[in-house]
Amino acid sequence: MLRLKKYEPHQHKWSPEIADGFDYLSKVAFKTNHSPLRPVSFFTLAKPGENYEIKLTIKAKEEVPELLLYTGRRQFRGYLTFQKGEQKNFTFYQSLTEIIPDFEKEKLEMSALFVTYCCKNPEVIEMEATAKPQVVRKLFLCGDSTVTDQVAPFRYFPEMAYTSWGQSLPAFLTGKFAIDNQAHSGNTSESFQKEGHFDLVKKWIRPNDYCLFQFGHNDQKIPHLLPQRDYRKNILKFVREIQSLQGIAVLVTPMGRNTWQNGDYNDLLLDYDQEIKALGQQVQVPVLSLHDKTVALWKQFGQKRSTDFFPKGDYTHTNDYGSYQVATLVAQELNRVFPDDFLLAENMPAFLPQKNRWQDFSVQIDTKDTKNKDSATLHTMEAALDELVETIETVKKK
């Protein structure tokens, strides 16, 4: 039995990608008068390549109106409230393998388990956590920045944290599954293979493990990765290779962006949505209809309200609140297609942002040195909406 202890990031100096997912050295990328949530992490060294069962007990000495709970690299586990003296118990499963961080080339081994809670008064929280090896099935996630486990600044604001649906998915599923997220920012269906991410999936996947694929946001910026060109070939290759390893391949239509034109929703990914549906039907592979559902969600909220579910100035990458909404849809789709394996968590609380929160933050420019310039360039383009739309329209004409 392993017992988790308090994590002191300045002592260990681990990369956030293989630690708790918080960048304690990050520059402030925005200004606000609001008080941040404060992350507190616990960890234990563990054997890479194993899956682990983590049990934890959380007790609040005073009332806590808002607490966010994570395991691993900021994989979301719950939005919680505590009354004074209240205690809650949890059991989670975590996978330890390897990753190649965003825009990098060298793979890093994951050798520690993490549990993190974020709240405004962390000093009133008492937590005990233990871990032990456990044989469980894995759910691999493959894709781009809308799927990856995003790193967040230690000055933590749910409104401004980049958080993907893959990152929030664990909170909505019950059962013995460990999620192994190999998705990374800037990836296309081509670079996911060339940069070595898919090799890690093939290395660690076992018979009857699931593997989800969602690509398109970056593919559409490159002419030869248009839907009926190499994009289709790459997705089909993913499916066949996972099936050859006796894994269960699942296709996910790309999450809709928060893009509008003259007050009407501007669907930039419809052709990729249609291609995935057609391919899934042709090769008899399950398809999760995330595109339709997210487009309907943003239309339901409307252009102005939808902005509250994305970090300020971004129209593609959800924040904590948007991630929560989209992950709900993915979990529902998994339950619809695989009702025996993916059970939905019950009584999930509403988790909604205040209206017009963009007005409370002013964004500053924060640049980061990267080694994989191609993926970094594709990722950065998402923040410049006019350039993004122009690029997509130009690529379609080639």
Protein backbone atom coordinates (compact mmCIF):
# COMPACT_ATOMS: atom_id res chain seq x y z
CA MET A 1 0.00 0.00 0.00
CA LEU A 2 1.36 3.41 -1.03
CA ARG A 3 0.54 6.51 0.99
CA LEU A 4 0.44 9.89 -0.75
CA LYS A 5 2.23 12.84 0.85
CA LYS A 6 2.22 16.60 0.28
CA TYR A 7 3.79 17.64 -3.00
CA GLU A 8 6.32 20.49 -2.85
CA PRO A 9 6.80 21.52 -6.50
CA HIS A 10 9.84 23.72 -5.86
CA GLN A 11 11.67 20.78 -4.29
CA HIS A 12 10.96 18.18 -6.96
CA LYS A 13 10.99 20.47 -9.99
CA TRP A 14 9.11 17.95 -12.12
CA SER A 15 7.62 18.99 -15.42
CA PRO A 16 3.89 19.67 -14.91
CA GLU A 17 3.14 17.25 -17.76
CA ILE A 18 4.28 14.31 -15.61
CA ALA A 19 3.22 15.78 -12.28
CA ASP A 20 -0.04 17.41 -11.17
CA GLY A 21 -0.66 19.45 -14.31
CA PHE A 22 0.00 22.85 -12.71
CA ASP A 23 2.77 25.11 -13.94
CA TYR A 24 4.20 26.73 -10.81
CA LEU A 25 6.72 28.74 -12.84
CA SER A 26 4.29 30.11 -15.41
CA LYS A 27 4.15 33.79 -16.19
CA VAL A 28 0.85 35.54 -15.51
CA ALA A 29 -1.04 35.52 -18.81
CA PHE A 30 -3.91 37.74 -17.65
CA LYS A 31 -4.91 40.30 -15.02
CA THR A 32 -7.96 40.27 -12.77
CA ASN A 33 -9.14 41.54 -9.40
CA HIS A 34 -10.66 38.17 -8.51
CA SER A 35 -9.01 35.76 -6.07
CA PRO A 36 -7.74 32.50 -7.58
CA LEU A 37 -8.39 28.97 -6.41
CA ARG A 38 -5.28 27.51 -4.78
CA PRO A 39 -4.08 24.03 -5.81
CA VAL A 40 -2.73 21.61 -3.19
CA SER A 41 -1.31 18.31 -4.41
CA PHE A 42 -0.34 14.99 -2.85
CA PHE A 43 1.78 12.35 -4.54
CA THR A 44 3.58 9.04 -4.25
CA LEU A 45 6.22 7.42 -6.43
CA ALA A 46 4.87 4.39 -8.29
CA LYS A 47 5.90 1.87 -10.92
CA PRO A 48 5.53 3.10 -14.51
CA GLY A 49 3.39 0.90 -16.71
CA GLU A 50 0.99 -0.08 -13.93
CA ASN A 51 -2.58 0.95 -13.25
CA TYR A 52 -3.46 2.02 -9.71
CA GLU A 53 -6.49 2.23 -7.48
CA ILE A 54 -6.47 5.43 -5.44
CA LYS A 55 -8.61 5.80 -2.34
CA LEU A 56 -8.95 9.14 -0.61
CA THR A 57 -10.81 10.71 2.26
CA ILE A 58 -11.47 14.46 2.31
CA LYS A 59 -12.70 16.28 5.40
CA ALA A 60 -13.48 19.98 5.74
CA LYS A 61 -12.89 21.75 9.06
CA GLU A 62 -14.91 24.73 7.80
CA GLU A 63 -17.47 25.28 5.06
CA VAL A 64 -16.06 25.04 1.52
CA PRO A 65 -18.48 26.38 -1.12
CA GLU A 66 -16.37 25.26 -4.10
CA LEU A 67 -13.67 22.59 -4.45
CA LEU A 68 -12.32 21.09 -7.66
CA LEU A 69 -10.78 17.63 -7.39
CA TYR A 70 -8.21 16.13 -9.78
CA THR A 71 -5.97 13.10 -10.16
CA GLY A 72 -2.88 12.73 -12.32
CA ARG A 73 -2.20 15.47 -14.85
CA ARG A 74 -5.27 17.52 -13.85
CA GLN A 75 -7.81 14.85 -14.78
CA PHE A 76 -11.06 16.19 -13.36
CA ARG A 77 -12.83 14.07 -10.75
CA GLY A 78 -15.46 16.31 -9.24
CA TYR A 79 -16.96 19.69 -8.42
CA LEU A 80 -17.66 19.52 -4.70
CA THR A 81 -19.03 21.50 -1.78
CA PHE A 82 -18.47 20.76 1.91
CA GLN A 83 -20.29 21.71 5.08
CA LYS A 84 -18.26 22.24 8.25
CA GLY A 85 -17.08 18.84 9.53
CA GLU A 86 -18.28 16.96 6.42
CA GLN A 87 -16.24 13.99 5.17
CA LYS A 88 -16.33 12.33 1.73
CA ASN A 89 -14.66 9.18 0.41
CA PHE A 90 -13.61 8.43 -3.18
CA THR A 91 -12.06 5.65 -5.28
CA PHE A 92 -10.37 6.42 -8.59
CA TYR A 93 -8.16 4.63 -11.11
CA GLN A 94 -5.06 6.09 -12.71
CA SER A 95 -2.77 4.92 -15.51
CA LEU A 96 0.98 5.46 -15.48
CA THR A 97 2.72 5.10 -18.85
CA GLU A 98 4.65 7.68 -20.88
CA ILE A 99 3.86 10.86 -22.80
CA ILE A 100 5.53 13.19 -25.27
CA PRO A 101 4.62 16.69 -23.98
CA ASP A 102 3.05 19.34 -26.18
CA PHE A 103 5.41 20.63 -28.89
CA GLU A 104 8.31 18.49 -27.63
CA LYS A 105 10.13 15.49 -29.10
CA GLU A 106 11.40 13.46 -26.14
CA LYS A 107 9.06 11.14 -24.27
CA LEU A 108 8.79 11.37 -20.49
CA GLU A 109 8.09 8.48 -18.14
CA MET A 110 5.29 8.95 -15.63
CA SER A 111 6.47 7.61 -12.27
CA ALA A 112 4.23 9.30 -9.69
CA LEU A 113 0.55 9.33 -8.77
CA PHE A 114 -1.09 12.65 -7.94
CA VAL A 115 -4.26 13.89 -6.26
CA THR A 116 -5.00 17.63 -6.23
CA TYR A 117 -7.74 19.79 -4.77
CA CYS A 118 -8.31 23.47 -5.58
CA CYS A 119 -10.28 25.89 -3.44
CA LYS A 120 -9.98 29.39 -1.98
CA ASN A 121 -9.38 28.16 1.58
CA PRO A 122 -7.29 24.96 1.23
CA GLU A 123 -6.01 25.26 4.82
CA VAL A 124 -9.38 23.96 6.09
CA ILE A 125 -9.09 20.70 4.10
CA GLU A 126 -7.70 17.47 5.53
CA MET A 127 -6.99 14.70 3.05
CA GLU A 128 -5.61 11.16 3.28
CA ALA A 129 -4.90 9.13 0.15
CA THR A 130 -3.51 5.67 -0.51
CA ALA A 131 -2.83 3.73 -3.70
CA LYS A 132 -2.20 0.15 -4.79
CA PRO A 133 -1.68 -1.59 -8.14
CA GLN A 134 -4.91 -2.70 -9.76
CA VAL A 135 -5.63 -4.57 -12.98
CA VAL A 136 -8.22 -2.51 -14.89
CA ARG A 137 -9.06 -1.80 -18.50
CA LYS A 138 -7.81 1.40 -20.09
CA LEU A 139 -9.51 4.05 -22.13
CA PHE A 140 -6.96 5.71 -24.44
CA LEU A 141 -7.65 9.19 -25.82
CA CYS A 142 -6.05 10.30 -29.10
CA GLY A 143 -6.47 13.74 -30.56
CA ASP A 144 -5.56 17.42 -30.37
CA SER A 145 -5.79 20.29 -27.87
CA THR A 146 -9.54 19.85 -27.43
CA VAL A 147 -8.85 16.36 -26.02
CA THR A 148 -5.47 16.60 -24.24
CA ASP A 149 -4.79 17.01 -20.51
CA GLN A 150 -4.02 20.72 -20.51
CA VAL A 151 -1.52 22.26 -18.07
CA ALA A 152 -2.81 25.23 -16.05
CA PRO A 153 -1.15 28.18 -14.26
CA PHE A 154 -0.92 27.77 -10.49
CA ARG A 155 -2.95 31.00 -10.15
CA TYR A 156 -6.04 29.02 -10.98
CA PHE A 157 -9.21 30.52 -12.39
CA PRO A 158 -11.75 28.05 -13.86
CA GLU A 159 -12.79 30.76 -16.34
CA MET A 160 -9.30 31.10 -17.79
CA ALA A 161 -7.92 27.56 -17.48
CA TYR A 162 -7.60 25.69 -20.76
CA THR A 163 -9.38 22.39 -20.09
CA SER A 164 -10.34 19.75 -22.66
CA TRP A 165 -13.27 17.37 -22.71
CA GLY A 166 -10.82 14.47 -22.36
CA GLN A 167 -9.58 16.04 -19.16
CA SER A 168 -13.06 16.25 -17.61
CA LEU A 169 -14.35 12.90 -18.89
CA PRO A 170 -13.21 10.91 -15.80
CA ALA A 171 -15.70 12.77 -13.59
CA PHE A 172 -18.68 11.44 -15.55
CA LEU A 173 -17.85 7.74 -15.81
CA THR A 174 -18.02 5.11 -13.12
CA GLY A 175 -16.49 1.65 -13.19
CA LYS A 176 -12.97 0.29 -13.26
CA PHE A 177 -11.37 2.22 -16.10
CA ALA A 178 -8.08 4.11 -16.15
CA ILE A 179 -7.97 6.91 -18.72
CA ASP A 180 -4.66 7.26 -20.56
CA ASN A 181 -4.70 10.57 -22.43
CA GLN A 182 -2.17 10.65 -25.27
CA ALA A 183 -3.78 13.56 -27.13
CA HIS A 184 -1.65 16.70 -27.58
CA SER A 185 -2.02 20.27 -28.74
CA GLY A 186 -1.39 21.04 -32.39
CA ASN A 187 -1.70 17.45 -33.51
CA THR A 188 -3.18 16.38 -36.82
CA SER A 189 -4.05 12.83 -37.79
CA GLU A 190 -0.62 12.84 -39.47
CA SER A 191 1.60 14.42 -36.78
CA PHE A 192 0.03 12.23 -34.07
CA GLN A 193 1.80 9.36 -35.80
CA LYS A 194 4.99 11.13 -36.91
CA GLU A 195 5.70 12.64 -33.48
CA GLY A 196 5.44 9.24 -31.75
CA HIS A 197 2.21 9.64 -29.79
CA PHE A 198 0.46 6.74 -31.51
CA ASP A 199 3.48 4.50 -30.91
CA LEU A 200 2.92 4.96 -27.16
CA VAL A 201 -0.72 3.99 -27.51
CA LYS A 202 0.22 0.83 -29.41
CA LYS A 203 2.90 0.02 -26.83
CA TRP A 204 0.54 0.12 -23.85
CA ILE A 205 -2.84 -0.92 -25.20
CA ARG A 206 -4.08 -4.40 -24.24
CA PRO A 207 -6.89 -6.59 -25.63
CA ASN A 208 -10.35 -5.11 -24.94
CA ASP A 209 -8.96 -1.67 -24.02
CA TYR A 210 -10.81 1.20 -25.67
CA CYS A 211 -9.20 3.82 -27.89
CA LEU A 212 -11.00 7.04 -28.89
CA PHE A 213 -9.90 9.18 -31.86
CA GLN A 214 -10.90 12.82 -32.45
CA PHE A 215 -9.04 14.84 -35.09
CA GLY A 216 -9.92 17.61 -37.52
CA HIS A 217 -9.26 21.01 -35.90
CA ASN A 218 -5.68 21.10 -37.17
CA ASP A 219 -6.04 18.79 -40.18
CA GLN A 220 -8.29 21.35 -41.89
CA LYS A 221 -5.41 23.84 -42.01
CA ILE A 222 -3.35 21.57 -44.32
CA PRO A 223 -4.46 20.79 -47.91
CA HIS A 224 -3.48 17.13 -48.03
CA LEU A 225 -5.31 16.48 -44.75
CA LEU A 226 -8.72 17.49 -46.06
CA PRO A 227 -11.50 14.97 -45.21
CA GLN A 228 -11.40 12.78 -48.31
CA ARG A 229 -7.64 12.93 -48.71
CA ASP A 230 -5.02 11.71 -46.24
CA TYR A 231 -7.22 12.51 -43.23
CA ARG A 232 -9.46 9.60 -44.15
CA LYS A 233 -6.48 7.31 -44.76
CA ASN A 234 -4.91 8.23 -41.42
CA ILE A 235 -8.08 7.62 -39.42
CA LEU A 236 -8.61 4.28 -41.14
CA LYS A 237 -5.00 3.34 -40.36
CA PHE A 238 -5.59 4.13 -36.67
CA VAL A 239 -8.65 1.90 -36.62
CA ARG A 240 -6.98 -1.05 -38.33
CA GLU A 241 -3.89 -0.96 -36.13
CA ILE A 242 -5.90 -0.80 -32.90
CA GLN A 243 -8.08 -3.66 -34.09
CA SER A 244 -4.98 -5.70 -34.95
CA LEU A 245 -3.94 -5.32 -31.29
CA GLN A 246 -7.42 -6.49 -30.20
CA GLY A 247 -8.33 -3.08 -28.90
CA ILE A 248 -11.71 -1.42 -29.45
CA ALA A 249 -11.44 1.60 -31.77
CA VAL A 250 -14.02 4.36 -31.40
CA LEU A 251 -14.32 7.44 -33.63
CA VAL A 252 -15.41 10.83 -32.28
CA THR A 253 -16.66 13.61 -34.55
CA PRO A 254 -14.74 16.85 -33.83
CA MET A 255 -16.04 19.19 -31.15
CA GLY A 256 -17.65 22.30 -32.60
CA ARG A 257 -15.89 25.63 -32.12
CA ASN A 258 -17.60 28.73 -30.75
CA THR A 259 -17.59 30.45 -34.15
CA TRP A 260 -20.30 32.77 -35.47
CA GLN A 261 -20.89 34.97 -38.51
CA ASN A 262 -23.42 37.80 -38.57
CA GLY A 263 -25.18 36.32 -35.57
CA ASP A 264 -25.50 32.81 -37.05
CA TYR A 265 -23.41 29.80 -36.07
CA ASN A 266 -20.51 29.28 -38.50
CA ASP A 267 -19.78 25.57 -38.68
CA LEU A 268 -16.14 25.17 -39.71
CA LEU A 269 -15.93 21.41 -39.16
CA LEU A 270 -19.06 20.00 -40.79
CA ASP A 271 -17.14 18.23 -43.57
CA TYR A 272 -14.95 16.42 -41.02
CA ASP A 273 -18.03 15.46 -39.03
CA GLN A 274 -19.62 13.95 -42.14
CA GLU A 275 -16.44 12.13 -43.13
CA ILE A 276 -16.10 10.43 -39.73
CA LYS A 277 -19.75 9.35 -39.77
CA ALA A 278 -19.38 7.90 -43.28
CA LEU A 279 -16.13 6.14 -42.43
CA GLY A 280 -17.56 4.66 -39.24
CA GLN A 281 -20.54 3.30 -41.11
CA GLN A 282 -18.37 1.90 -43.90
CA VAL A 283 -15.97 -0.02 -41.64
CA GLN A 284 -18.53 -0.72 -38.88
CA VAL A 285 -16.73 1.21 -36.15
CA PRO A 286 -18.70 3.01 -33.40
CA VAL A 287 -18.97 6.79 -33.81
CA LEU A 288 -19.65 9.25 -31.00
CA SER A 289 -21.59 12.22 -32.43
CA LEU A 290 -19.86 14.96 -30.50
CA HIS A 291 -19.95 17.52 -33.30
CA ASP A 292 -23.73 17.60 -33.61
CA LYS A 293 -24.20 17.81 -29.87
CA THR A 294 -21.67 20.58 -29.23
CA VAL A 295 -22.95 22.70 -32.11
CA ALA A 296 -26.44 22.33 -30.68
CA LEU A 297 -25.10 23.26 -27.24
CA TRP A 298 -23.45 26.50 -28.42
CA LYS A 299 -26.57 27.41 -30.40
CA GLN A 300 -28.67 26.78 -27.31
CA PHE A 301 -26.49 29.12 -25.24
CA GLY A 302 -26.18 31.66 -28.05
CA GLN A 303 -23.11 33.58 -29.16
CA LYS A 304 -22.74 35.85 -26.14
CA ARG A 305 -23.35 33.26 -23.41
CA SER A 306 -21.16 30.66 -25.15
CA THR A 307 -18.10 32.87 -24.68
CA ASP A 308 -18.29 32.22 -20.93
CA PHE A 309 -17.37 28.58 -21.60
CA PHE A 310 -14.05 29.45 -23.29
CA PRO A 311 -10.96 31.30 -21.96
CA LYS A 312 -10.99 34.95 -22.95
CA GLY A 313 -10.02 35.51 -26.56
CA ASP A 314 -10.33 31.82 -27.53
CA TYR A 315 -13.03 30.20 -29.64
CA THR A 316 -11.84 26.60 -29.77
CA HIS A 317 -10.47 25.52 -26.39
CA THR A 318 -12.97 25.25 -23.57
CA ASN A 319 -12.32 26.38 -20.00
CA ASP A 320 -13.33 24.33 -16.95
CA TYR A 321 -17.00 25.13 -17.46
CA GLY A 322 -17.03 24.35 -21.16
CA SER A 323 -15.04 21.17 -20.63
CA TYR A 324 -17.61 20.04 -18.07
CA GLN A 325 -20.43 20.55 -20.58
CA VAL A 326 -18.67 18.79 -23.45
CA ALA A 327 -17.42 15.87 -21.33
CA THR A 328 -21.02 15.28 -20.26
CA LEU A 329 -21.93 14.79 -23.92
CA VAL A 330 -19.02 12.40 -24.57
CA ALA A 331 -19.92 10.32 -21.51
CA GLN A 332 -23.54 10.14 -22.63
CA GLU A 333 -22.44 8.97 -26.08
CA LEU A 334 -20.18 6.31 -24.58
CA ASN A 335 -23.04 5.11 -22.42
CA ARG A 336 -25.36 5.05 -25.44
CA VAL A 337 -22.99 2.95 -27.56
CA PHE A 338 -21.47 0.81 -24.76
CA PRO A 339 -24.09 0.75 -21.96
CA ASP A 340 -22.57 -2.26 -20.20
CA ASP A 341 -19.06 -0.81 -19.92
CA PHE A 342 -19.56 2.93 -19.45
CA LEU A 343 -21.95 3.77 -16.65
CA LEU A 344 -22.77 7.42 -15.99
CA ALA A 345 -22.05 9.05 -12.65
CA GLU A 346 -25.26 10.03 -10.91
CA ASN A 347 -26.35 13.35 -9.43
CA MET A 348 -23.66 15.42 -11.13
CA PRO A 349 -24.02 19.04 -9.95
CA ALA A 350 -24.54 21.99 -12.24
CA PHE A 351 -21.24 23.74 -12.96
CA LEU A 352 -21.87 26.98 -14.80
CA PRO A 353 -19.86 30.21 -15.11
CA GLN A 354 -21.12 33.62 -14.17
CA LYS A 355 -22.32 35.62 -17.16
CA ASN A 356 -19.94 37.95 -19.01
CA ARG A 357 -16.85 36.78 -17.11
CA TRP A 358 -14.64 37.81 -20.04
CA GLN A 359 -15.08 41.39 -18.85
CA ASP A 360 -13.27 40.57 -15.57
CA PHE A 361 -9.99 39.51 -17.21
CA SER A 362 -7.46 41.32 -19.39
CA VAL A 363 -5.23 39.03 -21.43
CA GLN A 364 -1.46 39.46 -21.72
CA ILE A 365 0.84 37.80 -24.22
CA ASP A 366 2.80 34.83 -22.88
CA THR A 367 5.20 33.10 -25.28
CA LYS A 368 6.78 29.70 -24.79
CA ASP A 369 9.81 28.20 -26.48
CA THR A 370 8.93 25.01 -28.30
CA LYS A 371 10.81 22.36 -30.21
CA ASN A 372 7.96 21.14 -32.44
CA LYS A 373 7.31 24.35 -34.37
CA ASP A 374 4.78 22.86 -36.80
CA SER A 375 2.37 21.68 -34.11
CA ALA A 376 2.88 24.86 -32.11
CA THR A 377 2.00 27.01 -35.13
CA LEU A 378 -1.21 25.10 -35.83
CA HIS A 379 -2.20 25.35 -32.17
CA THR A 380 -1.52 29.09 -31.92
CA MET A 381 -3.63 29.80 -35.01
CA GLU A 382 -6.78 28.87 -33.08
CA ALA A 383 -6.52 32.07 -31.02
CA ALA A 384 -6.67 34.31 -34.11
CA LEU A 385 -10.19 33.74 -35.40
CA ASP A 386 -9.99 35.79 -38.60
CA GLU A 387 -6.71 34.13 -39.59
CA LEU A 388 -8.16 30.72 -38.77
CA VAL A 389 -11.25 31.20 -40.96
CA GLU A 390 -9.17 32.62 -43.81
CA THR A 391 -6.75 29.68 -43.64
CA ILE A 392 -9.56 27.11 -43.68
CA GLU A 393 -11.23 28.75 -46.68
CA THR A 394 -7.91 29.00 -48.55
CA VAL A 395 -7.04 25.36 -47.88
CA LYS A 396 -10.42 24.20 -49.21
CA LYS A 397 -9.66 25.83 -52.55
CA LYS A 398 -6.35 24.01 -53.02
